[in-house]
Amino acid sequence: MKANLSSGSQWRRSILAAALILCAYFNIADNFSVQIVLYIASIYLILTAVFKVCLIYKVFGVNASKQRRSGSGMY
């Protein structure tokens, strides 16, 4: 599969996955089913960050790896 994530997206997904794992581990929601959902979401985020492919992006035809800033002078 072709990569469809930018390196910035990979970092954001990794940080969000770490935050979700911590929330699930420390049982923030006090609910087992919410804890399981948090673990599953974090696993999905980690896998997409590692393999640079987001299946949800594929469904909607988004390719964030090719999006670049135009030369407008705004940084």
Protein backbone atom coordinates (compact mmCIF):
# COMPACT_ATOMS: atom_id res chain seq x y z
CA MET A 1 0.00 0.00 0.00
CA LYS A 2 1.14 3.53 -0.71
CA ALA A 3 1.76 5.80 2.22
CA ASN A 4 -0.88 8.47 2.74
CA LEU A 5 0.31 10.14 5.97
CA SER A 6 2.76 12.97 6.41
CA SER A 7 5.49 12.82 9.02
CA GLY A 8 3.62 15.43 11.08
CA SER A 9 0.54 13.22 11.08
CA GLN A 10 2.64 10.30 12.24
CA TRP A 11 3.96 12.26 15.23
CA ARG A 12 0.50 13.54 16.17
CA ARG A 13 -0.95 10.04 15.99
CA SER A 14 1.87 8.65 18.12
CA ILE A 15 1.39 11.29 20.81
CA LEU A 16 -2.39 10.83 20.80
CA ALA A 17 -1.97 7.06 21.03
CA ALA A 18 0.33 7.45 24.04
CA ALA A 19 -2.22 9.73 25.72
CA LEU A 20 -5.04 7.25 25.06
CA ILE A 21 -2.99 4.38 26.45
CA LEU A 22 -2.30 6.36 29.62
CA CYS A 23 -5.99 7.23 29.98
CA ALA A 24 -6.97 3.59 29.53
CA TYR A 25 -4.25 2.32 31.85
CA PHE A 26 -5.15 4.67 34.69
CA ASN A 27 -8.84 3.94 34.09
CA ILE A 28 -9.87 7.58 33.67
CA ALA A 29 -13.45 6.74 32.64
CA ASP A 30 -14.09 4.13 35.38
CA ASN A 31 -15.74 1.95 32.77
CA PHE A 32 -14.27 -1.24 31.34
CA SER A 33 -15.88 -0.90 27.92
CA VAL A 34 -14.51 2.64 27.51
CA GLN A 35 -11.11 1.33 28.53
CA ILE A 36 -11.24 -1.33 25.80
CA VAL A 37 -12.28 1.26 23.19
CA LEU A 38 -9.35 3.47 24.20
CA TYR A 39 -6.91 0.57 23.85
CA ILE A 40 -8.30 -0.35 20.42
CA ALA A 41 -8.15 3.26 19.22
CA SER A 42 -4.57 3.61 20.43
CA ILE A 43 -3.53 0.39 18.69
CA TYR A 44 -5.07 1.65 15.44
CA LEU A 45 -3.25 4.99 15.78
CA ILE A 46 0.06 3.29 16.47
CA LEU A 47 -0.30 0.97 13.48
CA THR A 48 -1.22 3.82 11.14
CA ALA A 49 1.73 5.86 12.38
CA VAL A 50 4.18 2.98 11.93
CA PHE A 51 2.99 1.87 8.48
CA LYS A 52 2.14 5.42 7.23
CA VAL A 53 -1.22 4.20 5.91
CA CYS A 54 -4.60 5.27 7.26
CA LEU A 55 -7.47 3.10 6.07
CA ILE A 56 -10.02 5.82 6.83
CA TYR A 57 -8.07 8.21 4.59
CA LYS A 58 -8.09 5.52 1.87
CA VAL A 59 -11.90 5.26 2.03
CA PHE A 60 -12.32 9.02 1.56
CA GLY A 61 -9.45 9.40 -0.94
CA VAL A 62 -7.32 11.67 1.25
CA ASN A 63 -3.57 11.69 0.69
CA ALA A 64 -1.88 13.86 3.34
CA SER A 65 1.63 12.80 2.34
CA LYS A 66 1.48 14.84 -0.89
CA GLN A 67 -0.08 18.00 0.57
CA ARG A 68 2.49 20.74 0.52
CA ARG A 69 2.40 24.42 1.22
CA SER A 70 2.21 26.73 -1.73
CA GLY A 71 4.85 29.39 -2.12
CA SER A 72 2.65 32.15 -0.68
CA GLY A 73 5.34 33.50 1.61
CA MET A 74 3.41 32.63 4.76
CA TYR A 75 5.40 30.47 7.14
